[in-house]
């Protein structure tokens, strides 16, 4: 069994940066890759900013932060990720993009390198089939924001062997995470339940049952949710919500998973939530205000 010491991460966005953050603090050497140096730099800046906040709150010490930041290295070329013991793909939730990454990466991997995807909805079996090592391929679905959320879903493809599963569980636990085993069905556990709830909240708005504020307040105060479903959709990214709903709709062929037309319109408009400045709320001012 491989001894995981170096973790390669493909994608320096919110999820990839978060995985790099917790891996470095846990003592792993980290290689961080994205399609451009600018994106890698932005990811490193995000990690430094979030670690600084942890220091200010007394969650970690300054020495821990300094050591963690030293462990993270920029990998400008994808092939550099081949030197890692565990390579985790954390790119956009698009099956074509993910498959292209694994196909391009495969020739550069060491014989024992394990592969993982942080996909939140796409079949691990299908992604694994594009590689030369489906038995060493697994789903590691971290929750957002990674440094805060305690859960990692572990998803085995049909070919994933027992040793890979055990290593994946041990790796997640070494980061201080709790694991949940999920079968390889569309959207796994968390998003199978969570994203249709967000979609239903959008239908509730679309049909005029309640306003943005009424829907979010109802779920915060009536169901004790820390964040209303429309606010949560903006936080996740409405493009991601739509992608997951499409995976559910296409994969399970059940009309209850049909994406709300209003969700489609917001994505078409580029109103993707917090990251775009507008979604169901407008974030461009001092205080978010509903856009409907």
Protein backbone atom coordinates (compact mmCIF):
# COMPACT_ATOMS: atom_id res chain seq x y z
CA UNK A 1 0.00 0.00 0.00
CA UNK A 2 1.23 3.48 -0.90
CA UNK A 3 2.28 5.84 1.86
CA UNK A 4 0.63 9.20 1.14
CA UNK A 5 3.09 12.04 1.69
CA UNK A 6 2.50 14.34 -1.27
CA UNK A 7 -0.97 15.43 -2.37
CA UNK A 8 -1.47 16.90 -5.84
CA UNK A 9 -4.53 19.07 -6.35
CA UNK A 10 -5.89 20.02 -9.76
CA UNK A 11 -7.97 23.17 -9.47
CA UNK A 12 -7.06 26.13 -7.25
CA UNK A 13 -10.59 27.50 -6.85
CA UNK A 14 -12.65 27.49 -3.69
CA UNK A 15 -12.68 23.72 -3.28
CA UNK A 16 -9.14 22.98 -4.46
CA UNK A 17 -7.67 25.75 -2.31
CA UNK A 18 -9.63 24.44 0.67
CA UNK A 19 -8.34 20.89 0.17
CA UNK A 20 -4.78 22.23 -0.17
CA UNK A 21 -5.28 24.26 3.02
CA UNK A 22 -6.34 21.32 5.22
CA UNK A 23 -3.83 18.92 3.64
CA UNK A 24 -0.90 21.27 4.30
CA UNK A 25 -1.96 21.86 7.91
CA UNK A 26 -2.16 18.08 8.37
CA UNK A 27 1.50 17.78 7.36
CA UNK A 28 1.24 16.74 3.71
CA UNK A 29 3.34 18.32 0.99
CA UNK A 30 0.96 19.85 -1.53
CA UNK A 31 1.28 20.55 -5.26
CA UNK A 32 -1.38 22.99 -6.47
CA UNK A 33 -2.20 23.22 -10.18
CA UNK A 34 -4.60 25.23 -12.31
CA UNK A 35 -4.81 26.32 -15.94
CA UNK A 36 -2.86 29.55 -15.33
CA UNK A 37 -0.34 30.97 -12.90
CA UNK A 38 -2.82 33.72 -12.02
CA UNK A 39 -5.36 31.18 -10.81
CA UNK A 40 -2.74 29.36 -8.75
CA UNK A 41 -1.64 32.66 -7.22
CA UNK A 42 -5.26 33.54 -6.40
CA UNK A 43 -5.65 30.14 -4.76
CA UNK A 44 -2.52 30.61 -2.66
CA UNK A 45 -3.72 34.06 -1.61
CA UNK A 46 -7.09 32.58 -0.58
CA UNK A 47 -5.33 29.93 1.51
CA UNK A 48 -3.12 32.52 3.20
CA UNK A 49 -6.15 34.73 3.90
CA UNK A 50 -8.15 31.86 5.41
CA UNK A 51 -5.22 30.62 7.51
CA UNK A 52 -4.68 34.16 8.79
CA UNK A 53 -8.31 34.21 9.93
CA UNK A 54 -7.77 30.89 11.72
CA UNK A 55 -4.75 32.34 13.52
CA UNK A 56 -6.76 35.41 14.55
CA UNK A 57 -9.46 33.16 15.99
CA UNK A 58 -6.96 30.97 17.85
CA UNK A 59 -7.79 27.87 15.79
CA UNK A 60 -4.17 27.42 14.68
CA UNK A 61 -0.90 29.05 15.75
CA UNK A 62 1.25 31.31 13.59
CA UNK A 63 3.95 28.62 13.47
CA UNK A 64 1.41 26.12 12.12
CA UNK A 65 0.32 28.58 9.45
CA UNK A 66 3.89 29.33 8.40
CA UNK A 67 4.75 25.63 8.18
CA UNK A 68 1.54 24.90 6.27
CA UNK A 69 2.13 27.64 3.71
CA UNK A 70 5.69 26.37 3.14
CA UNK A 71 4.34 22.92 2.31
CA UNK A 72 2.24 24.21 -0.61
CA UNK A 73 4.02 24.56 -3.94
CA UNK A 74 2.69 25.87 -7.24
CA UNK A 75 2.62 23.27 -10.03
CA UNK A 76 2.26 25.26 -13.24
CA UNK A 77 2.35 22.17 -15.48
CA UNK A 78 -0.21 19.39 -15.07
CA UNK A 79 2.46 16.71 -15.43
CA UNK A 80 4.06 17.91 -12.18
CA UNK A 81 1.05 16.44 -10.35
CA UNK A 82 2.30 13.02 -11.45
CA UNK A 83 4.91 13.17 -8.69
CA UNK A 84 2.22 13.05 -5.99
CA UNK A 85 1.11 9.97 -4.06
CA UNK A 86 -2.52 11.08 -4.20
CA UNK A 87 -3.87 13.30 -6.99
CA UNK A 88 -7.22 14.99 -6.30
CA UNK A 89 -9.16 16.63 -9.13
CA UNK A 90 -11.16 19.65 -7.94
CA UNK A 91 -12.13 21.27 -11.23
CA UNK A 92 -15.51 22.61 -12.30
CA UNK A 93 -18.51 20.25 -12.05
CA UNK A 94 -18.39 19.27 -15.72
CA UNK A 95 -17.88 15.63 -16.69
CA UNK A 96 -16.12 16.47 -19.95
CA UNK A 97 -13.63 18.75 -18.21
CA UNK A 98 -12.90 16.18 -15.53
CA UNK A 99 -12.40 13.34 -18.00
CA UNK A 100 -10.05 15.49 -20.09
CA UNK A 101 -7.95 16.23 -16.98
CA UNK A 102 -7.60 12.56 -16.08
CA UNK A 103 -6.73 11.57 -19.65
CA UNK A 104 -4.04 14.25 -19.80
CA UNK A 105 -2.68 13.36 -16.36
CA UNK A 106 -2.55 9.57 -16.70
CA UNK A 107 0.70 9.29 -18.75
CA UNK A 108 2.59 11.23 -16.05
CA UNK A 109 1.51 9.23 -13.00
CA UNK A 110 3.70 6.96 -10.95
CA UNK A 111 2.69 3.30 -10.75
CA UNK A 112 1.28 3.62 -7.23
CA UNK A 113 -0.35 7.06 -7.47
CA UNK A 114 -3.95 7.09 -6.29
CA UNK A 115 -6.53 9.20 -8.12
CA UNK A 116 -9.53 10.96 -6.59
CA UNK A 117 -12.24 13.32 -7.73
CA UNK A 118 -13.93 15.93 -5.56
CA UNK A 119 -17.01 15.70 -7.79
CA UNK A 120 -20.24 16.42 -5.95
CA UNK A 121 -22.50 14.47 -8.30
CA UNK A 122 -20.81 12.71 -11.26
CA UNK A 123 -20.34 8.92 -11.51
CA UNK A 124 -17.01 7.80 -10.08
CA UNK A 125 -17.20 4.66 -12.22
CA UNK A 126 -17.44 6.71 -15.43
CA UNK A 127 -14.60 9.05 -14.42
CA UNK A 128 -12.42 6.10 -13.40
CA UNK A 129 -12.97 4.39 -16.76
CA UNK A 130 -11.04 7.17 -18.51
CA UNK A 131 -7.88 6.34 -16.54
CA UNK A 132 -5.37 3.50 -16.58
CA UNK A 133 -6.09 2.64 -12.92
CA UNK A 134 -9.82 2.40 -12.12
CA UNK A 135 -8.97 0.18 -9.15
CA UNK A 136 -6.96 3.08 -7.66
CA UNK A 137 -9.68 5.69 -8.30
CA UNK A 138 -12.13 6.99 -5.69
CA UNK A 139 -14.47 9.87 -4.93
CA UNK A 140 -13.44 12.23 -2.13
CA UNK A 141 -16.27 14.75 -1.89
CA UNK A 142 -15.26 17.51 0.52
CA UNK A 143 -17.88 19.96 1.73
CA UNK A 144 -17.65 23.73 1.22
CA UNK A 145 -15.93 25.55 2.92
CA UNK A 146 -13.40 22.75 3.34
CA UNK A 147 -11.48 24.16 6.37
CA UNK A 148 -14.77 24.45 8.33
CA UNK A 149 -16.97 21.54 7.25
CA UNK A 150 -16.23 18.21 8.92
CA UNK A 151 -17.63 15.74 6.41
CA UNK A 152 -16.01 13.95 3.47
CA UNK A 153 -18.15 11.59 1.40
CA UNK A 154 -16.17 8.56 0.20
CA UNK A 155 -17.51 7.07 -3.03
CA UNK A 156 -16.24 3.85 -4.57
CA UNK A 157 -16.57 3.15 -8.26
CA UNK A 158 -17.40 -0.38 -9.38
CA UNK A 159 -13.68 -1.13 -9.88
CA UNK A 160 -12.27 0.62 -6.78
CA UNK A 161 -10.32 -1.89 -4.70
CA UNK A 162 -10.48 -2.28 -0.92
CA UNK A 163 -6.95 -0.93 -0.33
CA UNK A 164 -7.76 2.33 -2.14
CA UNK A 165 -10.95 2.76 -0.11
CA UNK A 166 -9.10 2.18 3.16
CA UNK A 167 -6.37 4.65 2.22
CA UNK A 168 -8.96 7.25 1.26
CA UNK A 169 -10.78 6.89 4.59
CA UNK A 170 -7.52 7.12 6.54
CA UNK A 171 -6.43 10.16 4.55
CA UNK A 172 -9.71 11.99 5.22
CA UNK A 173 -9.53 11.14 8.92
CA UNK A 174 -5.93 12.41 9.06
CA UNK A 175 -7.32 15.82 8.03
CA UNK A 176 -9.64 15.78 11.04
CA UNK A 177 -12.67 14.89 8.92
CA UNK A 178 -15.53 12.46 9.52
CA UNK A 179 -16.29 10.17 6.60
CA UNK A 180 -19.56 8.87 5.19
CA UNK A 181 -19.59 6.04 2.68
CA UNK A 182 -21.85 6.75 -0.30
CA UNK A 183 -22.73 4.43 -3.16
CA UNK A 184 -22.01 5.57 -6.71
CA UNK A 185 -25.45 6.97 -7.54
CA UNK A 186 -26.08 10.48 -8.96
CA UNK A 187 -25.20 13.23 -6.42
CA UNK A 188 -24.38 10.65 -3.70
CA UNK A 189 -25.93 11.47 -0.27
CA UNK A 190 -25.57 15.14 0.64
CA UNK A 191 -26.41 16.67 -2.73
CA UNK A 192 -29.09 14.06 -3.49
CA UNK A 193 -30.97 15.59 -0.55
CA UNK A 194 -29.68 19.18 -0.39
CA UNK A 195 -29.72 20.39 -4.01
CA UNK A 196 -33.32 19.31 -4.77
CA UNK A 197 -34.31 21.31 -1.67
CA UNK A 198 -32.63 24.39 -3.16
CA UNK A 199 -34.32 23.68 -6.50
CA UNK A 200 -37.70 23.36 -4.73
CA UNK A 201 -37.10 26.70 -2.99
CA UNK A 202 -36.50 28.25 -6.43
CA UNK A 203 -39.76 26.71 -7.67
CA UNK A 204 -41.47 28.22 -4.61
CA UNK A 205 -40.15 31.63 -5.66
CA UNK A 206 -40.94 31.00 -9.35
CA UNK A 207 -44.55 30.12 -8.56
CA UNK A 208 -45.01 33.17 -6.34
CA UNK A 209 -45.60 31.24 -3.13
CA UNK A 210 -43.13 33.45 -1.28
CA UNK A 211 -40.53 36.15 -1.78
CA UNK A 212 -36.78 35.58 -1.55
CA UNK A 213 -36.73 36.94 2.00
CA UNK A 214 -39.85 35.05 3.08
CA UNK A 215 -38.51 31.71 1.79
CA UNK A 216 -35.10 32.11 3.40
CA UNK A 217 -36.50 33.42 6.69
CA UNK A 218 -39.03 30.59 6.78
CA UNK A 219 -36.33 27.93 6.53
CA UNK A 220 -33.91 29.68 8.88
CA UNK A 221 -36.49 30.30 11.60
CA UNK A 222 -38.98 27.53 10.86
CA UNK A 223 -36.57 24.66 10.22
CA UNK A 224 -33.54 26.02 12.12
CA UNK A 225 -31.36 26.01 9.00
CA UNK A 226 -28.25 28.19 9.44
CA UNK A 227 -28.73 29.61 5.93
CA UNK A 228 -31.86 29.95 3.80
CA UNK A 229 -31.99 27.74 0.66
CA UNK A 230 -31.76 30.65 -1.82
CA UNK A 231 -28.85 32.17 0.09
CA UNK A 232 -27.27 28.72 0.17
CA UNK A 233 -27.73 28.33 -3.58
CA UNK A 234 -25.91 31.63 -4.08
CA UNK A 235 -23.12 30.42 -1.78
CA UNK A 236 -22.72 27.09 -3.60
CA UNK A 237 -22.97 28.73 -7.04
CA UNK A 238 -26.13 28.52 -9.12
CA UNK A 239 -24.19 27.01 -12.03
CA UNK A 240 -23.14 24.18 -9.71
CA UNK A 241 -26.71 23.76 -8.45
CA UNK A 242 -27.93 23.51 -12.06
CA UNK A 243 -25.18 21.04 -13.00
CA UNK A 244 -26.10 18.76 -10.09
CA UNK A 245 -29.83 18.96 -10.88
CA UNK A 246 -29.06 18.00 -14.49
CA UNK A 247 -27.02 15.00 -13.30
CA UNK A 248 -29.92 13.91 -11.09
CA UNK A 249 -32.54 14.49 -13.81
CA UNK A 250 -30.56 12.68 -16.49
CA UNK A 251 -29.25 9.93 -14.22
CA UNK A 252 -32.50 9.02 -12.45
CA UNK A 253 -35.05 9.99 -15.13
CA UNK A 254 -37.50 11.29 -12.52
CA UNK A 255 -39.46 14.49 -13.16
CA UNK A 256 -39.05 15.56 -9.53
CA UNK A 257 -35.43 16.42 -10.38
CA UNK A 258 -36.30 18.77 -13.28
CA UNK A 259 -34.32 22.02 -12.82
CA UNK A 260 -36.55 25.02 -12.20
CA UNK A 261 -36.76 27.28 -15.30
CA UNK A 262 -35.92 30.27 -13.09
CA UNK A 263 -32.65 28.59 -12.04
CA UNK A 264 -31.81 28.07 -15.72
CA UNK A 265 -32.53 31.75 -16.46
CA UNK A 266 -30.29 32.97 -13.65
CA UNK A 267 -27.42 30.83 -14.91
CA UNK A 268 -28.00 31.99 -18.48
CA UNK A 269 -27.83 35.59 -17.23
CA UNK A 270 -24.52 34.91 -15.48
CA UNK A 271 -26.14 35.60 -12.10
CA UNK A 272 -24.36 32.68 -10.43
CA UNK A 273 -24.45 33.87 -6.82
CA UNK A 274 -21.79 35.30 -4.54
CA UNK A 275 -18.88 34.62 -6.89
CA UNK A 276 -20.56 36.66 -9.66
CA UNK A 277 -21.84 39.45 -7.41
CA UNK A 278 -25.46 38.59 -8.16
CA UNK A 279 -27.76 35.63 -7.75
CA UNK A 280 -30.96 35.57 -5.77
CA UNK A 281 -29.28 38.37 -3.85
CA UNK A 282 -27.25 41.31 -5.15
CA UNK A 283 -23.90 41.37 -3.31
CA UNK A 284 -22.44 44.48 -4.91
CA UNK A 285 -23.44 46.82 -2.08
CA UNK A 286 -22.71 46.82 1.63
CA UNK A 287 -25.70 44.57 2.37
CA UNK A 288 -27.08 41.80 0.12
CA UNK A 289 -30.53 42.64 -1.27
CA UNK A 290 -32.95 40.31 -3.11
CA UNK A 291 -32.90 40.51 -6.90
CA UNK A 292 -36.59 39.54 -7.16
